[in-house]
All heavy atoms as atom14 arrays in JSON, in Angstrom:
{
  "sequence": "GGNTESMLVDYQAGAEAASTLLMAALSGFDFIYDTAGSIESSL",
  "atom14_mask": [
    [1, 1, 1, 1, 0, 0, 0, 0, 0, 0, 0, 0, 0, 0],
    [1, 1, 1, 1, 0, 0, 0, 0, 0, 0, 0, 0, 0, 0],
    [1, 1, 1, 1, 1, 1, 1, 1, 0, 0, 0, 0, 0, 0],
    [1, 1, 1, 1, 1, 1, 1, 0, 0, 0, 0, 0, 0, 0],
    [1, 1, 1, 1, 1, 1, 1, 1, 1, 0, 0, 0, 0, 0],
    [1, 1, 1, 1, 1, 1, 0, 0, 0, 0, 0, 0, 0, 0],
    [1, 1, 1, 1, 1, 1, 1, 1, 0, 0, 0, 0, 0, 0],
    [1, 1, 1, 1, 1, 1, 1, 1, 0, 0, 0, 0, 0, 0],
    [1, 1, 1, 1, 1, 1, 1, 0, 0, 0, 0, 0, 0, 0],
    [1, 1, 1, 1, 1, 1, 1, 1, 0, 0, 0, 0, 0, 0],
    [1, 1, 1, 1, 1, 1, 1, 1, 1, 1, 1, 1, 0, 0],
    [1, 1, 1, 1, 1, 1, 1, 1, 1, 0, 0, 0, 0, 0],
    [1, 1, 1, 1, 1, 0, 0, 0, 0, 0, 0, 0, 0, 0],
    [1, 1, 1, 1, 0, 0, 0, 0, 0, 0, 0, 0, 0, 0],
    [1, 1, 1, 1, 1, 0, 0, 0, 0, 0, 0, 0, 0, 0],
    [1, 1, 1, 1, 1, 1, 1, 1, 1, 0, 0, 0, 0, 0],
    [1, 1, 1, 1, 1, 0, 0, 0, 0, 0, 0, 0, 0, 0],
    [1, 1, 1, 1, 1, 0, 0, 0, 0, 0, 0, 0, 0, 0],
    [1, 1, 1, 1, 1, 1, 0, 0, 0, 0, 0, 0, 0, 0],
    [1, 1, 1, 1, 1, 1, 1, 0, 0, 0, 0, 0, 0, 0],
    [1, 1, 1, 1, 1, 1, 1, 1, 0, 0, 0, 0, 0, 0],
    [1, 1, 1, 1, 1, 1, 1, 1, 0, 0, 0, 0, 0, 0],
    [1, 1, 1, 1, 1, 1, 1, 1, 0, 0, 0, 0, 0, 0],
    [1, 1, 1, 1, 1, 0, 0, 0, 0, 0, 0, 0, 0, 0],
    [1, 1, 1, 1, 1, 0, 0, 0, 0, 0, 0, 0, 0, 0],
    [1, 1, 1, 1, 1, 1, 1, 1, 0, 0, 0, 0, 0, 0],
    [1, 1, 1, 1, 1, 1, 0, 0, 0, 0, 0, 0, 0, 0],
    [1, 1, 1, 1, 0, 0, 0, 0, 0, 0, 0, 0, 0, 0],
    [1, 1, 1, 1, 1, 1, 1, 1, 1, 1, 1, 0, 0, 0],
    [1, 1, 1, 1, 1, 1, 1, 1, 0, 0, 0, 0, 0, 0],
    [1, 1, 1, 1, 1, 1, 1, 1, 1, 1, 1, 0, 0, 0],
    [1, 1, 1, 1, 1, 1, 1, 1, 0, 0, 0, 0, 0, 0],
    [1, 1, 1, 1, 1, 1, 1, 1, 1, 1, 1, 1, 0, 0],
    [1, 1, 1, 1, 1, 1, 1, 1, 0, 0, 0, 0, 0, 0],
    [1, 1, 1, 1, 1, 1, 1, 0, 0, 0, 0, 0, 0, 0],
    [1, 1, 1, 1, 1, 0, 0, 0, 0, 0, 0, 0, 0, 0],
    [1, 1, 1, 1, 0, 0, 0, 0, 0, 0, 0, 0, 0, 0],
    [1, 1, 1, 1, 1, 1, 0, 0, 0, 0, 0, 0, 0, 0],
    [1, 1, 1, 1, 1, 1, 1, 1, 0, 0, 0, 0, 0, 0],
    [1, 1, 1, 1, 1, 1, 1, 1, 1, 0, 0, 0, 0, 0],
    [1, 1, 1, 1, 1, 1, 0, 0, 0, 0, 0, 0, 0, 0],
    [1, 1, 1, 1, 1, 1, 0, 0, 0, 0, 0, 0, 0, 0],
    [1, 1, 1, 1, 1, 1, 1, 1, 0, 0, 0, 0, 0, 0]
  ],
  "atom14_positions": [
    [[37.86, 68.3, -4.68], [38.65, 67.09, -4.47], [38.38, 66.57, -3.07], [37.93, 67.32, -2.19], [0.0, 0.0, 0.0], [0.0, 0.0, 0.0], [0.0, 0.0, 0.0], [0.0, 0.0, 0.0], [0.0, 0.0, 0.0], [0.0, 0.0, 0.0], [0.0, 0.0, 0.0], [0.0, 0.0, 0.0], [0.0, 0.0, 0.0], [0.0, 0.0, 0.0]],
    [[38.66, 65.29, -2.86], [38.36, 64.69, -1.56], [37.0, 64.04, -1.52], [36.52, 63.64, -0.45], [0.0, 0.0, 0.0], [0.0, 0.0, 0.0], [0.0, 0.0, 0.0], [0.0, 0.0, 0.0], [0.0, 0.0, 0.0], [0.0, 0.0, 0.0], [0.0, 0.0, 0.0], [0.0, 0.0, 0.0], [0.0, 0.0, 0.0], [0.0, 0.0, 0.0]],
    [[36.35, 63.94, -2.69], [34.99, 63.39, -2.75], [34.99, 61.88, -2.9], [35.98, 61.28, -3.32], [34.24, 64.0, -3.95], [33.94, 65.46, -3.75], [33.22, 65.83, -2.85], [34.52, 66.3, -4.6], [0.0, 0.0, 0.0], [0.0, 0.0, 0.0], [0.0, 0.0, 0.0], [0.0, 0.0, 0.0], [0.0, 0.0, 0.0], [0.0, 0.0, 0.0]],
    [[33.85, 61.28, -2.58], [33.67, 59.84, -2.75], [32.19, 59.54, -2.87], [31.35, 60.27, -2.35], [34.24, 59.06, -1.56], [34.01, 57.66, -1.75], [33.59, 59.49, -0.24], [0.0, 0.0, 0.0], [0.0, 0.0, 0.0], [0.0, 0.0, 0.0], [0.0, 0.0, 0.0], [0.0, 0.0, 0.0], [0.0, 0.0, 0.0], [0.0, 0.0, 0.0]],
    [[31.9, 58.46, -3.58], [30.51, 57.98, -3.64], [30.22, 56.98, -2.53], [29.09, 56.52, -2.39], [30.25, 57.31, -5.0], [29.81, 58.29, -6.08], [30.82, 59.38, -6.37], [31.91, 59.09, -6.89], [30.51, 60.55, -6.05], [0.0, 0.0, 0.0], [0.0, 0.0, 0.0], [0.0, 0.0, 0.0], [0.0, 0.0, 0.0], [0.0, 0.0, 0.0]],
    [[31.22, 56.63, -1.73], [31.01, 55.65, -0.66], [30.01, 56.16, 0.36], [29.95, 57.35, 0.67], [32.34, 55.35, 0.04], [32.14, 54.42, 1.08], [0.0, 0.0, 0.0], [0.0, 0.0, 0.0], [0.0, 0.0, 0.0], [0.0, 0.0, 0.0], [0.0, 0.0, 0.0], [0.0, 0.0, 0.0], [0.0, 0.0, 0.0], [0.0, 0.0, 0.0]],
    [[29.22, 55.23, 0.9], [28.27, 55.55, 1.96], [28.93, 55.46, 3.35], [28.32, 55.86, 4.35], [27.09, 54.58, 1.92], [26.31, 54.62, 0.61], [25.4, 56.18, 0.45], [25.02, 56.14, -1.3], [0.0, 0.0, 0.0], [0.0, 0.0, 0.0], [0.0, 0.0, 0.0], [0.0, 0.0, 0.0], [0.0, 0.0, 0.0], [0.0, 0.0, 0.0]],
    [[30.14, 54.94, 3.39], [30.84, 54.73, 4.66], [32.23, 55.35, 4.6], [32.76, 55.63, 3.53], [30.99, 53.23, 4.94], [29.72, 52.38, 4.99], [30.11, 50.9, 5.03], [28.89, 52.75, 6.2], [0.0, 0.0, 0.0], [0.0, 0.0, 0.0], [0.0, 0.0, 0.0], [0.0, 0.0, 0.0], [0.0, 0.0, 0.0], [0.0, 0.0, 0.0]],
    [[32.83, 55.52, 5.78], [34.23, 55.92, 5.86], [35.04, 54.63, 5.76], [35.44, 54.04, 6.77], [34.52, 56.7, 7.15], [35.97, 57.18, 7.16], [33.58, 57.89, 7.26], [0.0, 0.0, 0.0], [0.0, 0.0, 0.0], [0.0, 0.0, 0.0], [0.0, 0.0, 0.0], [0.0, 0.0, 0.0], [0.0, 0.0, 0.0], [0.0, 0.0, 0.0]],
    [[35.27, 54.16, 4.52], [35.88, 52.86, 4.29], [36.99, 52.99, 3.24], [37.42, 54.1, 2.9], [34.82, 51.84, 3.85], [34.07, 52.26, 2.57], [34.44, 53.3, 1.97], [33.12, 51.54, 2.17], [0.0, 0.0, 0.0], [0.0, 0.0, 0.0], [0.0, 0.0, 0.0], [0.0, 0.0, 0.0], [0.0, 0.0, 0.0], [0.0, 0.0, 0.0]],
    [[37.44, 51.83, 2.72], [38.52, 51.83, 1.73], [38.14, 52.65, 0.5], [38.95, 53.44, 0.0], [38.84, 50.39, 1.32], [39.97, 50.31, 0.3], [41.29, 50.21, 0.71], [39.69, 50.35, -1.07], [42.32, 50.15, -0.21], [40.71, 50.29, -2.0], [42.02, 50.19, -1.57], [43.04, 50.13, -2.5], [0.0, 0.0, 0.0], [0.0, 0.0, 0.0]],
    [[36.93, 52.48, 0.0], [36.5, 53.26, -1.16], [36.58, 54.75, -0.88], [37.06, 55.53, -1.71], [35.08, 52.88, -1.58], [34.55, 53.7, -2.76], [33.09, 53.42, -3.12], [32.53, 52.43, -2.67], [32.49, 54.3, -3.9], [0.0, 0.0, 0.0], [0.0, 0.0, 0.0], [0.0, 0.0, 0.0], [0.0, 0.0, 0.0], [0.0, 0.0, 0.0]],
    [[36.09, 55.16, 0.29], [36.12, 56.58, 0.64], [37.54, 57.11, 0.67], [37.85, 58.19, 0.14], [35.45, 56.8, 2.0], [0.0, 0.0, 0.0], [0.0, 0.0, 0.0], [0.0, 0.0, 0.0], [0.0, 0.0, 0.0], [0.0, 0.0, 0.0], [0.0, 0.0, 0.0], [0.0, 0.0, 0.0], [0.0, 0.0, 0.0], [0.0, 0.0, 0.0]],
    [[38.46, 56.34, 1.27], [39.84, 56.78, 1.34], [40.51, 56.84, -0.01], [41.23, 57.81, -0.33], [0.0, 0.0, 0.0], [0.0, 0.0, 0.0], [0.0, 0.0, 0.0], [0.0, 0.0, 0.0], [0.0, 0.0, 0.0], [0.0, 0.0, 0.0], [0.0, 0.0, 0.0], [0.0, 0.0, 0.0], [0.0, 0.0, 0.0], [0.0, 0.0, 0.0]],
    [[40.27, 55.8, -0.84], [40.91, 55.75, -2.15], [40.42, 56.88, -3.05], [41.23, 57.56, -3.7], [40.64, 54.4, -2.8], [0.0, 0.0, 0.0], [0.0, 0.0, 0.0], [0.0, 0.0, 0.0], [0.0, 0.0, 0.0], [0.0, 0.0, 0.0], [0.0, 0.0, 0.0], [0.0, 0.0, 0.0], [0.0, 0.0, 0.0], [0.0, 0.0, 0.0]],
    [[39.11, 57.09, -3.1], [38.57, 58.12, -3.98], [38.91, 59.52, -3.48], [39.24, 60.42, -4.27], [37.06, 57.96, -4.12], [36.68, 56.7, -4.91], [35.19, 56.51, -5.08], [34.4, 57.1, -4.29], [34.8, 55.76, -5.99], [0.0, 0.0, 0.0], [0.0, 0.0, 0.0], [0.0, 0.0, 0.0], [0.0, 0.0, 0.0], [0.0, 0.0, 0.0]],
    [[38.86, 59.72, -2.17], [39.21, 61.03, -1.62], [40.67, 61.36, -1.9], [41.01, 62.48, -2.29], [38.93, 61.06, -0.12], [0.0, 0.0, 0.0], [0.0, 0.0, 0.0], [0.0, 0.0, 0.0], [0.0, 0.0, 0.0], [0.0, 0.0, 0.0], [0.0, 0.0, 0.0], [0.0, 0.0, 0.0], [0.0, 0.0, 0.0], [0.0, 0.0, 0.0]],
    [[41.55, 60.37, -1.71], [42.98, 60.61, -1.91], [43.3, 60.92, -3.37], [44.04, 61.86, -3.68], [43.79, 59.41, -1.44], [0.0, 0.0, 0.0], [0.0, 0.0, 0.0], [0.0, 0.0, 0.0], [0.0, 0.0, 0.0], [0.0, 0.0, 0.0], [0.0, 0.0, 0.0], [0.0, 0.0, 0.0], [0.0, 0.0, 0.0], [0.0, 0.0, 0.0]],
    [[42.72, 60.15, -4.3], [43.05, 60.36, -5.71], [42.5, 61.67, -6.22], [43.2, 62.43, -6.92], [42.53, 59.19, -6.55], [41.12, 59.12, -6.53], [0.0, 0.0, 0.0], [0.0, 0.0, 0.0], [0.0, 0.0, 0.0], [0.0, 0.0, 0.0], [0.0, 0.0, 0.0], [0.0, 0.0, 0.0], [0.0, 0.0, 0.0], [0.0, 0.0, 0.0]],
    [[41.26, 62.0, -5.87], [40.67, 63.24, -6.39], [41.32, 64.46, -5.75], [41.51, 65.5, -6.42], [39.15, 63.29, -6.18], [38.85, 63.14, -4.78], [38.45, 62.18, -6.96], [0.0, 0.0, 0.0], [0.0, 0.0, 0.0], [0.0, 0.0, 0.0], [0.0, 0.0, 0.0], [0.0, 0.0, 0.0], [0.0, 0.0, 0.0], [0.0, 0.0, 0.0]],
    [[41.69, 64.38, -4.46], [42.31, 65.52, -3.81], [43.72, 65.75, -4.34], [44.11, 66.88, -4.66], [42.35, 65.33, -2.3], [43.01, 66.46, -1.5], [42.35, 67.79, -1.79], [42.99, 66.15, -0.01], [0.0, 0.0, 0.0], [0.0, 0.0, 0.0], [0.0, 0.0, 0.0], [0.0, 0.0, 0.0], [0.0, 0.0, 0.0], [0.0, 0.0, 0.0]],
    [[44.51, 64.68, -4.45], [45.89, 64.84, -4.92], [45.92, 65.37, -6.36], [46.69, 66.28, -6.68], [46.62, 63.51, -4.84], [48.08, 63.52, -5.33], [48.91, 64.53, -4.55], [48.69, 62.14, -5.25], [0.0, 0.0, 0.0], [0.0, 0.0, 0.0], [0.0, 0.0, 0.0], [0.0, 0.0, 0.0], [0.0, 0.0, 0.0], [0.0, 0.0, 0.0]],
    [[45.06, 64.82, -7.22], [45.06, 65.28, -8.61], [44.59, 66.73, -8.73], [45.13, 67.5, -9.53], [44.19, 64.37, -9.47], [44.77, 62.97, -9.65], [46.46, 62.98, -10.3], [46.2, 63.75, -11.89], [0.0, 0.0, 0.0], [0.0, 0.0, 0.0], [0.0, 0.0, 0.0], [0.0, 0.0, 0.0], [0.0, 0.0, 0.0], [0.0, 0.0, 0.0]],
    [[43.59, 67.12, -7.94], [43.15, 68.51, -7.96], [44.26, 69.43, -7.48], [44.49, 70.51, -8.04], [41.89, 68.69, -7.1], [0.0, 0.0, 0.0], [0.0, 0.0, 0.0], [0.0, 0.0, 0.0], [0.0, 0.0, 0.0], [0.0, 0.0, 0.0], [0.0, 0.0, 0.0], [0.0, 0.0, 0.0], [0.0, 0.0, 0.0], [0.0, 0.0, 0.0]],
    [[44.97, 69.02, -6.44], [46.05, 69.84, -5.9], [47.19, 69.96, -6.91], [47.75, 71.06, -7.11], [46.56, 69.23, -4.59], [0.0, 0.0, 0.0], [0.0, 0.0, 0.0], [0.0, 0.0, 0.0], [0.0, 0.0, 0.0], [0.0, 0.0, 0.0], [0.0, 0.0, 0.0], [0.0, 0.0, 0.0], [0.0, 0.0, 0.0], [0.0, 0.0, 0.0]],
    [[47.54, 68.86, -7.58], [48.6, 68.9, -8.58], [48.18, 69.67, -9.83], [49.03, 70.05, -10.64], [49.01, 67.48, -8.96], [49.75, 66.68, -7.88], [49.98, 65.26, -8.34], [51.07, 67.34, -7.51], [0.0, 0.0, 0.0], [0.0, 0.0, 0.0], [0.0, 0.0, 0.0], [0.0, 0.0, 0.0], [0.0, 0.0, 0.0], [0.0, 0.0, 0.0]],
    [[46.88, 69.88, -9.99], [46.39, 70.67, -11.14], [46.63, 72.15, -10.94], [46.55, 72.93, -11.91], [44.9, 70.4, -11.36], [44.69, 69.03, -11.71], [0.0, 0.0, 0.0], [0.0, 0.0, 0.0], [0.0, 0.0, 0.0], [0.0, 0.0, 0.0], [0.0, 0.0, 0.0], [0.0, 0.0, 0.0], [0.0, 0.0, 0.0], [0.0, 0.0, 0.0]],
    [[46.89, 72.59, -9.7], [47.29, 73.97, -9.47], [46.17, 74.94, -9.16], [46.28, 76.13, -9.44], [0.0, 0.0, 0.0], [0.0, 0.0, 0.0], [0.0, 0.0, 0.0], [0.0, 0.0, 0.0], [0.0, 0.0, 0.0], [0.0, 0.0, 0.0], [0.0, 0.0, 0.0], [0.0, 0.0, 0.0], [0.0, 0.0, 0.0], [0.0, 0.0, 0.0]],
    [[45.08, 74.46, -8.54], [44.01, 75.37, -8.12], [44.49, 76.29, -6.99], [45.35, 75.92, -6.19], [42.81, 74.58, -7.63], [41.99, 73.95, -8.72], [42.06, 72.59, -8.97], [41.13, 74.72, -9.49], [41.3, 72.0, -9.96], [40.37, 74.14, -10.5], [40.46, 72.78, -10.73], [0.0, 0.0, 0.0], [0.0, 0.0, 0.0], [0.0, 0.0, 0.0]],
    [[43.88, 77.46, -6.91], [44.09, 78.33, -5.75], [43.33, 77.8, -4.53], [43.78, 77.97, -3.4], [43.6, 79.76, -6.05], [44.43, 80.45, -7.1], [45.58, 80.79, -6.81], [43.94, 80.63, -8.23], [0.0, 0.0, 0.0], [0.0, 0.0, 0.0], [0.0, 0.0, 0.0], [0.0, 0.0, 0.0], [0.0, 0.0, 0.0], [0.0, 0.0, 0.0]],
    [[42.2, 77.18, -4.8], [41.3, 76.8, -3.71], [40.6, 75.51, -4.1], [40.14, 75.36, -5.23], [40.28, 77.92, -3.51], [39.29, 77.71, -2.38], [39.67, 77.91, -1.07], [37.99, 77.33, -2.64], [38.76, 77.74, -0.03], [37.08, 77.15, -1.61], [37.46, 77.36, -0.31], [0.0, 0.0, 0.0], [0.0, 0.0, 0.0], [0.0, 0.0, 0.0]],
    [[40.57, 74.55, -3.18], [39.89, 73.29, -3.44], [38.85, 73.07, -2.37], [39.15, 73.12, -1.17], [40.88, 72.1, -3.46], [41.97, 72.35, -4.51], [40.13, 70.8, -3.78], [43.05, 71.28, -4.52], [0.0, 0.0, 0.0], [0.0, 0.0, 0.0], [0.0, 0.0, 0.0], [0.0, 0.0, 0.0], [0.0, 0.0, 0.0], [0.0, 0.0, 0.0]],
    [[37.63, 72.86, -2.81], [36.5, 72.64, -1.9], [36.28, 71.14, -1.7], [36.74, 70.32, -2.48], [35.24, 73.29, -2.51], [34.38, 73.99, -1.51], [34.8, 75.16, -0.9], [33.13, 73.5, -1.16], [33.99, 75.82, 0.02], [32.31, 74.15, -0.25], [32.75, 75.32, 0.33], [31.95, 75.95, 1.23], [0.0, 0.0, 0.0], [0.0, 0.0, 0.0]],
    [[35.55, 70.78, -0.64], [35.16, 69.41, -0.34], [36.32, 68.54, 0.12], [36.23, 67.31, 0.11], [34.48, 68.72, -1.55], [33.23, 69.44, -1.98], [32.55, 70.01, -1.11], [32.92, 69.43, -3.18], [0.0, 0.0, 0.0], [0.0, 0.0, 0.0], [0.0, 0.0, 0.0], [0.0, 0.0, 0.0], [0.0, 0.0, 0.0], [0.0, 0.0, 0.0]],
    [[37.43, 69.14, 0.55], [38.61, 68.35, 0.87], [38.48, 67.58, 2.18], [39.31, 66.7, 2.45], [39.86, 69.25, 0.97], [39.71, 70.17, 2.05], [40.1, 70.0, -0.33], [0.0, 0.0, 0.0], [0.0, 0.0, 0.0], [0.0, 0.0, 0.0], [0.0, 0.0, 0.0], [0.0, 0.0, 0.0], [0.0, 0.0, 0.0], [0.0, 0.0, 0.0]],
    [[37.48, 67.88, 2.98], [37.36, 67.18, 4.27], [35.9, 66.94, 4.6], [35.09, 67.86, 4.59], [38.01, 68.0, 5.39], [0.0, 0.0, 0.0], [0.0, 0.0, 0.0], [0.0, 0.0, 0.0], [0.0, 0.0, 0.0], [0.0, 0.0, 0.0], [0.0, 0.0, 0.0], [0.0, 0.0, 0.0], [0.0, 0.0, 0.0], [0.0, 0.0, 0.0]],
    [[35.56, 65.67, 4.87], [34.26, 65.33, 5.43], [33.25, 64.73, 4.47], [32.15, 64.38, 4.89], [0.0, 0.0, 0.0], [0.0, 0.0, 0.0], [0.0, 0.0, 0.0], [0.0, 0.0, 0.0], [0.0, 0.0, 0.0], [0.0, 0.0, 0.0], [0.0, 0.0, 0.0], [0.0, 0.0, 0.0], [0.0, 0.0, 0.0], [0.0, 0.0, 0.0]],
    [[33.6, 64.58, 3.19], [32.61, 64.17, 2.2], [32.44, 62.66, 2.1], [33.41, 61.92, 1.95], [33.01, 64.7, 0.82], [32.25, 64.1, -0.21], [0.0, 0.0, 0.0], [0.0, 0.0, 0.0], [0.0, 0.0, 0.0], [0.0, 0.0, 0.0], [0.0, 0.0, 0.0], [0.0, 0.0, 0.0], [0.0, 0.0, 0.0], [0.0, 0.0, 0.0]],
    [[31.18, 62.2, 2.18], [30.79, 60.86, 1.74], [29.5, 61.0, 0.94], [28.9, 62.07, 0.91], [30.59, 59.86, 2.91], [29.54, 60.33, 3.91], [31.91, 59.59, 3.62], [29.22, 59.31, 5.01], [0.0, 0.0, 0.0], [0.0, 0.0, 0.0], [0.0, 0.0, 0.0], [0.0, 0.0, 0.0], [0.0, 0.0, 0.0], [0.0, 0.0, 0.0]],
    [[29.11, 59.96, 0.25], [27.85, 59.93, -0.52], [27.74, 61.09, -1.5], [26.75, 61.82, -1.53], [26.65, 59.91, 0.43], [25.35, 59.49, -0.2], [24.17, 59.48, 0.76], [24.38, 59.61, 1.97], [23.04, 59.34, 0.28], [0.0, 0.0, 0.0], [0.0, 0.0, 0.0], [0.0, 0.0, 0.0], [0.0, 0.0, 0.0], [0.0, 0.0, 0.0]],
    [[28.8, 61.28, -2.3], [28.82, 62.37, -3.29], [28.57, 63.73, -2.67], [27.94, 64.61, -3.26], [27.79, 62.11, -4.4], [28.01, 60.87, -5.02], [0.0, 0.0, 0.0], [0.0, 0.0, 0.0], [0.0, 0.0, 0.0], [0.0, 0.0, 0.0], [0.0, 0.0, 0.0], [0.0, 0.0, 0.0], [0.0, 0.0, 0.0], [0.0, 0.0, 0.0]],
    [[29.07, 63.91, -1.45], [28.95, 65.17, -0.7], [27.52, 65.48, -0.27], [27.24, 66.61, 0.16], [29.54, 66.36, -1.49], [30.94, 66.24, -1.57], [0.0, 0.0, 0.0], [0.0, 0.0, 0.0], [0.0, 0.0, 0.0], [0.0, 0.0, 0.0], [0.0, 0.0, 0.0], [0.0, 0.0, 0.0], [0.0, 0.0, 0.0], [0.0, 0.0, 0.0]],
    [[26.63, 64.52, -0.34], [25.29, 64.7, 0.23], [25.32, 64.54, 1.75], [24.45, 65.05, 2.45], [24.31, 63.69, -0.37], [23.98, 63.86, -1.86], [23.12, 62.7, -2.33], [23.26, 65.19, -2.09], [0.0, 0.0, 0.0], [0.0, 0.0, 0.0], [0.0, 0.0, 0.0], [0.0, 0.0, 0.0], [0.0, 0.0, 0.0], [0.0, 0.0, 0.0]]
  ]
}
């Protein structure tokens, strides 16, 4: 969670990171990877 396809730290990056991270967290994982620093599909 926290991922984005955006090439920049912009609105898309914030929106996609927030939605994927919150939903992953509410899903009840023990551990969530990629929660900080990802742009460009984590490339």
